[in-house]
Structures are given as C-alpha cells and as structure tokens.
Amino acid sequence: MRKEEFLKEHQDLYSKQTSRSDFPSDFVFGVATSAYQVSFNLIPSTAPLHIVD
C-alpha cells in the first residue's frame, strides 16, 4: 500500500483534534528532555576524555 493510499484510507487518524476529555480524569501529562554531552580537556596530558551523562 502506498503512503498516499494509506493516508486517504486512514484520514480519521490524523485529522481529529485531541482534547483533555479524550483522556481519563486522573491522567497526568509529562515532559522530558535529553542531551548527549561530551567534555574534554584542551591539554591532553592532564586529563583523559570524559563522557558525561
């Protein structure tokens, strides 16, 4: 099935607006973020490469 055919056939999946009433009353929304960080020393002889989470 091609993408265009799928989207046309399942148009209701992405055209509906989501509202608070679509979820149970005790549902808790949350957010998160993540970043990969690498730090290093400019003078290699004084410290090794560090990977910081």
PDB file of N, CA and C in Angstrom:
ATOM      1  N   MET A   1       0.843  -1.168   0.000  1.00  0.00           N
ATOM      2  CA  MET A   1       0.000   0.000   0.000  1.00  0.00           C
ATOM      3  C   MET A   1       0.897   1.243   0.000  1.00  0.00           C
ATOM      4  N   ARG A   2       0.587   2.141  -0.874  1.00  0.00           N
ATOM      5  CA  ARG A   2       1.359   3.376  -0.959  1.00  0.00           C
ATOM      6  C   ARG A   2       0.966   4.340   0.145  1.00  0.00           C
ATOM      7  N   LYS A   3       1.875   5.246   0.445  1.00  0.00           N
ATOM      8  CA  LYS A   3       1.650   6.208   1.523  1.00  0.00           C
ATOM      9  C   LYS A   3       0.377   7.021   1.287  1.00  0.00           C
ATOM     10  N   GLU A   4       0.189   7.507   0.067  1.00  0.00           N
ATOM     11  CA  GLU A   4      -0.976   8.329  -0.247  1.00  0.00           C
ATOM     12  C   GLU A   4      -2.273   7.553  -0.034  1.00  0.00           C
ATOM     13  N   GLU A   5      -2.270   6.283  -0.433  1.00  0.00           N
ATOM     14  CA  GLU A   5      -3.455   5.443  -0.252  1.00  0.00           C
ATOM     15  C   GLU A   5      -3.732   5.217   1.229  1.00  0.00           C
ATOM     16  N   PHE A   6      -2.683   4.949   1.980  1.00  0.00           N
ATOM     17  CA  PHE A   6      -2.835   4.714   3.413  1.00  0.00           C
ATOM     18  C   PHE A   6      -3.414   5.950   4.103  1.00  0.00           C
ATOM     19  N   LEU A   7      -2.845   7.124   3.806  1.00  0.00           N
ATOM     20  CA  LEU A   7      -3.317   8.348   4.443  1.00  0.00           C
ATOM     21  C   LEU A   7      -4.763   8.657   4.078  1.00  0.00           C
ATOM     22  N   LYS A   8      -5.123   8.407   2.834  1.00  0.00           N
ATOM     23  CA  LYS A   8      -6.507   8.652   2.415  1.00  0.00           C
ATOM     24  C   LYS A   8      -7.455   7.693   3.125  1.00  0.00           C
ATOM     25  N   GLU A   9      -7.057   6.441   3.249  1.00  0.00           N
ATOM     26  CA  GLU A   9      -7.894   5.427   3.883  1.00  0.00           C
ATOM     27  C   GLU A   9      -8.015   5.644   5.394  1.00  0.00           C
ATOM     28  N   HIS A  10      -6.969   6.198   6.017  1.00  0.00           N
ATOM     29  CA  HIS A  10      -6.951   6.385   7.469  1.00  0.00           C
ATOM     30  C   HIS A  10      -6.928   7.862   7.850  1.00  0.00           C
ATOM     31  N   GLN A  11      -7.627   8.668   7.114  1.00  0.00           N
ATOM     32  CA  GLN A  11      -7.631  10.111   7.327  1.00  0.00           C
ATOM     33  C   GLN A  11      -8.104  10.482   8.732  1.00  0.00           C
ATOM     34  N   ASP A  12      -8.987   9.694   9.295  1.00  0.00           N
ATOM     35  CA  ASP A  12      -9.500   9.990  10.634  1.00  0.00           C
ATOM     36  C   ASP A  12      -8.424   9.897  11.712  1.00  0.00           C
ATOM     37  N   LEU A  13      -7.331   9.187  11.452  1.00  0.00           N
ATOM     38  CA  LEU A  13      -6.271   9.028  12.445  1.00  0.00           C
ATOM     39  C   LEU A  13      -5.494  10.318  12.695  1.00  0.00           C
ATOM     40  N   TYR A  14      -5.348  11.155  11.683  1.00  0.00           N
ATOM     41  CA  TYR A  14      -4.534  12.352  11.845  1.00  0.00           C
ATOM     42  C   TYR A  14      -5.316  13.654  11.719  1.00  0.00           C
ATOM     43  N   SER A  15      -6.609  13.596  11.432  1.00  0.00           N
ATOM     44  CA  SER A  15      -7.374  14.825  11.284  1.00  0.00           C
ATOM     45  C   SER A  15      -8.146  15.200  12.545  1.00  0.00           C
ATOM     46  N   LYS A  16      -8.269  14.277  13.491  1.00  0.00           N
ATOM     47  CA  LYS A  16      -9.028  14.532  14.712  1.00  0.00           C
ATOM     48  C   LYS A  16      -8.214  15.385  15.683  1.00  0.00           C
ATOM     49  N   GLN A  17      -8.853  16.382  16.264  1.00  0.00           N
ATOM     50  CA  GLN A  17      -8.228  17.197  17.298  1.00  0.00           C
ATOM     51  C   GLN A  17      -8.254  16.426  18.612  1.00  0.00           C
ATOM     52  N   THR A  18      -7.171  16.457  19.344  1.00  0.00           N
ATOM     53  CA  THR A  18      -7.101  15.804  20.645  1.00  0.00           C
ATOM     54  C   THR A  18      -7.440  16.826  21.718  1.00  0.00           C
ATOM     55  N   SER A  19      -8.266  16.414  22.665  1.00  0.00           N
ATOM     56  CA  SER A  19      -8.621  17.320  23.756  1.00  0.00           C
ATOM     57  C   SER A  19      -8.435  16.623  25.094  1.00  0.00           C
ATOM     58  N   ARG A  20      -8.513  17.386  26.160  1.00  0.00           N
ATOM     59  CA  ARG A  20      -8.328  16.855  27.513  1.00  0.00           C
ATOM     60  C   ARG A  20      -9.353  15.776  27.821  1.00  0.00           C
ATOM     61  N   SER A  21     -10.539  15.894  27.287  1.00  0.00           N
ATOM     62  CA  SER A  21     -11.600  14.916  27.568  1.00  0.00           C
ATOM     63  C   SER A  21     -11.350  13.561  26.905  1.00  0.00           C
ATOM     64  N   ASP A  22     -10.360  13.472  26.032  1.00  0.00           N
ATOM     65  CA  ASP A  22     -10.006  12.192  25.407  1.00  0.00           C
ATOM     66  C   ASP A  22      -9.238  11.283  26.363  1.00  0.00           C
ATOM     67  N   PHE A  23      -8.817  11.819  27.510  1.00  0.00           N
ATOM     68  CA  PHE A  23      -8.011  11.074  28.472  1.00  0.00           C
ATOM     69  C   PHE A  23      -8.787  10.887  29.772  1.00  0.00           C
ATOM     70  N   PRO A  24      -8.440   9.860  30.545  1.00  0.00           N
ATOM     71  CA  PRO A  24      -9.088   9.672  31.847  1.00  0.00           C
ATOM     72  C   PRO A  24      -8.843  10.887  32.752  1.00  0.00           C
ATOM     73  N   SER A  25      -9.757  11.118  33.687  1.00  0.00           N
ATOM     74  CA  SER A  25      -9.652  12.301  34.552  1.00  0.00           C
ATOM     75  C   SER A  25      -8.399  12.295  35.421  1.00  0.00           C
ATOM     76  N   ASP A  26      -7.858  11.107  35.721  1.00  0.00           N
ATOM     77  CA  ASP A  26      -6.657  11.042  36.555  1.00  0.00           C
ATOM     78  C   ASP A  26      -5.367  10.908  35.743  1.00  0.00           C
ATOM     79  N   PHE A  27      -5.458  11.107  34.440  1.00  0.00           N
ATOM     80  CA  PHE A  27      -4.281  11.014  33.576  1.00  0.00           C
ATOM     81  C   PHE A  27      -3.368  12.211  33.825  1.00  0.00           C
ATOM     82  N   VAL A  28      -2.066  11.969  33.946  1.00  0.00           N
ATOM     83  CA  VAL A  28      -1.096  13.035  34.188  1.00  0.00           C
ATOM     84  C   VAL A  28      -0.193  13.168  32.966  1.00  0.00           C
ATOM     85  N   PHE A  29      -0.151  14.360  32.398  1.00  0.00           N
ATOM     86  CA  PHE A  29       0.732  14.630  31.275  1.00  0.00           C
ATOM     87  C   PHE A  29       2.127  14.933  31.806  1.00  0.00           C
ATOM     88  N   GLY A  30       3.148  14.547  31.060  1.00  0.00           N
ATOM     89  CA  GLY A  30       4.515  14.812  31.481  1.00  0.00           C
ATOM     90  C   GLY A  30       5.390  15.131  30.286  1.00  0.00           C
ATOM     91  N   VAL A  31       6.530  15.697  30.554  1.00  0.00           N
ATOM     92  CA  VAL A  31       7.503  16.016  29.508  1.00  0.00           C
ATOM     93  C   VAL A  31       8.890  15.604  29.973  1.00  0.00           C
ATOM     94  N   ALA A  32       9.787  15.454  29.027  1.00  0.00           N
ATOM     95  CA  ALA A  32      11.167  15.099  29.349  1.00  0.00           C
ATOM     96  C   ALA A  32      12.086  15.665  28.273  1.00  0.00           C
ATOM     97  N   THR A  33      13.340  15.740  28.614  1.00  0.00           N
ATOM     98  CA  THR A  33      14.335  16.183  27.648  1.00  0.00           C
ATOM     99  C   THR A  33      15.619  15.398  27.877  1.00  0.00           C
ATOM    100  N   SER A  34      16.434  15.346  26.860  1.00  0.00           N
ATOM    101  CA  SER A  34      17.671  14.595  26.971  1.00  0.00           C
ATOM    102  C   SER A  34      18.720  15.232  26.065  1.00  0.00           C
ATOM    103  N   ALA A  35      19.959  15.122  26.469  1.00  0.00           N
ATOM    104  CA  ALA A  35      21.053  15.635  25.646  1.00  0.00           C
ATOM    105  C   ALA A  35      22.293  14.787  25.890  1.00  0.00           C
ATOM    106  N   TYR A  36      23.021  14.502  24.846  1.00  0.00           N
ATOM    107  CA  TYR A  36      24.275  13.772  24.938  1.00  0.00           C
ATOM    108  C   TYR A  36      25.384  14.803  25.052  1.00  0.00           C
ATOM    109  N   GLN A  37      26.200  14.702  26.073  1.00  0.00           N
ATOM    110  CA  GLN A  37      27.250  15.689  26.299  1.00  0.00           C
ATOM    111  C   GLN A  37      28.615  15.020  26.372  1.00  0.00           C
ATOM    112  N   VAL A  38      29.602  15.667  25.782  1.00  0.00           N
ATOM    113  CA  VAL A  38      30.984  15.196  25.856  1.00  0.00           C
ATOM    114  C   VAL A  38      31.835  16.381  26.285  1.00  0.00           C
ATOM    115  N   SER A  39      32.663  16.169  27.282  1.00  0.00           N
ATOM    116  CA  SER A  39      33.586  17.230  27.688  1.00  0.00           C
ATOM    117  C   SER A  39      35.007  16.701  27.544  1.00  0.00           C
ATOM    118  N   PHE A  40      35.929  17.586  27.318  1.00  0.00           N
ATOM    119  CA  PHE A  40      37.316  17.161  27.170  1.00  0.00           C
ATOM    120  C   PHE A  40      38.236  18.279  27.637  1.00  0.00           C
ATOM    121  N   ASN A  41      39.436  17.902  27.923  1.00  0.00           N
ATOM    122  CA  ASN A  41      40.452  18.849  28.358  1.00  0.00           C
ATOM    123  C   ASN A  41      41.275  19.263  27.139  1.00  0.00           C
ATOM    124  N   LEU A  42      41.558  20.539  27.014  1.00  0.00           N
ATOM    125  CA  LEU A  42      42.336  21.019  25.867  1.00  0.00           C
ATOM    126  C   LEU A  42      43.805  20.629  25.951  1.00  0.00           C
ATOM    127  N   ILE A  43      44.279  20.266  27.133  1.00  0.00           N
ATOM    128  CA  ILE A  43      45.658  19.809  27.300  1.00  0.00           C
ATOM    129  C   ILE A  43      45.594  18.305  27.572  1.00  0.00           C
ATOM    130  N   PRO A  44      45.790  17.470  26.551  1.00  0.00           N
ATOM    131  CA  PRO A  44      45.585  16.025  26.673  1.00  0.00           C
ATOM    132  C   PRO A  44      46.387  15.339  27.775  1.00  0.00           C
ATOM    133  N   SER A  45      47.542  15.874  28.116  1.00  0.00           N
ATOM    134  CA  SER A  45      48.373  15.188  29.109  1.00  0.00           C
ATOM    135  C   SER A  45      47.833  15.306  30.538  1.00  0.00           C
ATOM    136  N   THR A  46      46.927  16.247  30.793  1.00  0.00           N
ATOM    137  CA  THR A  46      46.450  16.458  32.161  1.00  0.00           C
ATOM    138  C   THR A  46      45.188  15.678  32.505  1.00  0.00           C
ATOM    139  N   ALA A  47      44.406  15.291  31.515  1.00  0.00           N
ATOM    140  CA  ALA A  47      43.176  14.548  31.824  1.00  0.00           C
ATOM    141  C   ALA A  47      42.712  13.779  30.591  1.00  0.00           C
ATOM    142  N   PRO A  48      42.141  12.623  30.786  1.00  0.00           N
ATOM    143  CA  PRO A  48      41.618  11.847  29.655  1.00  0.00           C
ATOM    144  C   PRO A  48      40.273  12.402  29.182  1.00  0.00           C
ATOM    145  N   LEU A  49      39.805  11.888  28.081  1.00  0.00           N
ATOM    146  CA  LEU A  49      38.492  12.248  27.548  1.00  0.00           C
ATOM    147  C   LEU A  49      37.416  11.780  28.515  1.00  0.00           C
ATOM    148  N   HIS A  50      36.442  12.632  28.789  1.00  0.00           N
ATOM    149  CA  HIS A  50      35.342  12.281  29.687  1.00  0.00           C
ATOM    150  C   HIS A  50      34.031  12.306  28.919  1.00  0.00           C
ATOM    151  N   ILE A  51      33.207  11.323  29.153  1.00  0.00           N
ATOM    152  CA  ILE A  51      31.847  11.331  28.623  1.00  0.00           C
ATOM    153  C   ILE A  51      30.927  11.529  29.816  1.00  0.00           C
ATOM    154  N   VAL A  52      30.134  12.585  29.765  1.00  0.00           N
ATOM    155  CA  VAL A  52      29.272  12.941  30.885  1.00  0.00           C
ATOM    156  C   VAL A  52      27.827  12.699  30.496  1.00  0.00           C
ATOM    157  N   ASP A  53      27.101  11.993  31.329  1.00  0.00           N
ATOM    158  CA  ASP A  53      25.670  11.762  31.080  1.00  0.00           C
ATOM    159  C   ASP A  53      24.848  12.757  31.847  1.00  0.00           C
TER     160      ASP A  53
END
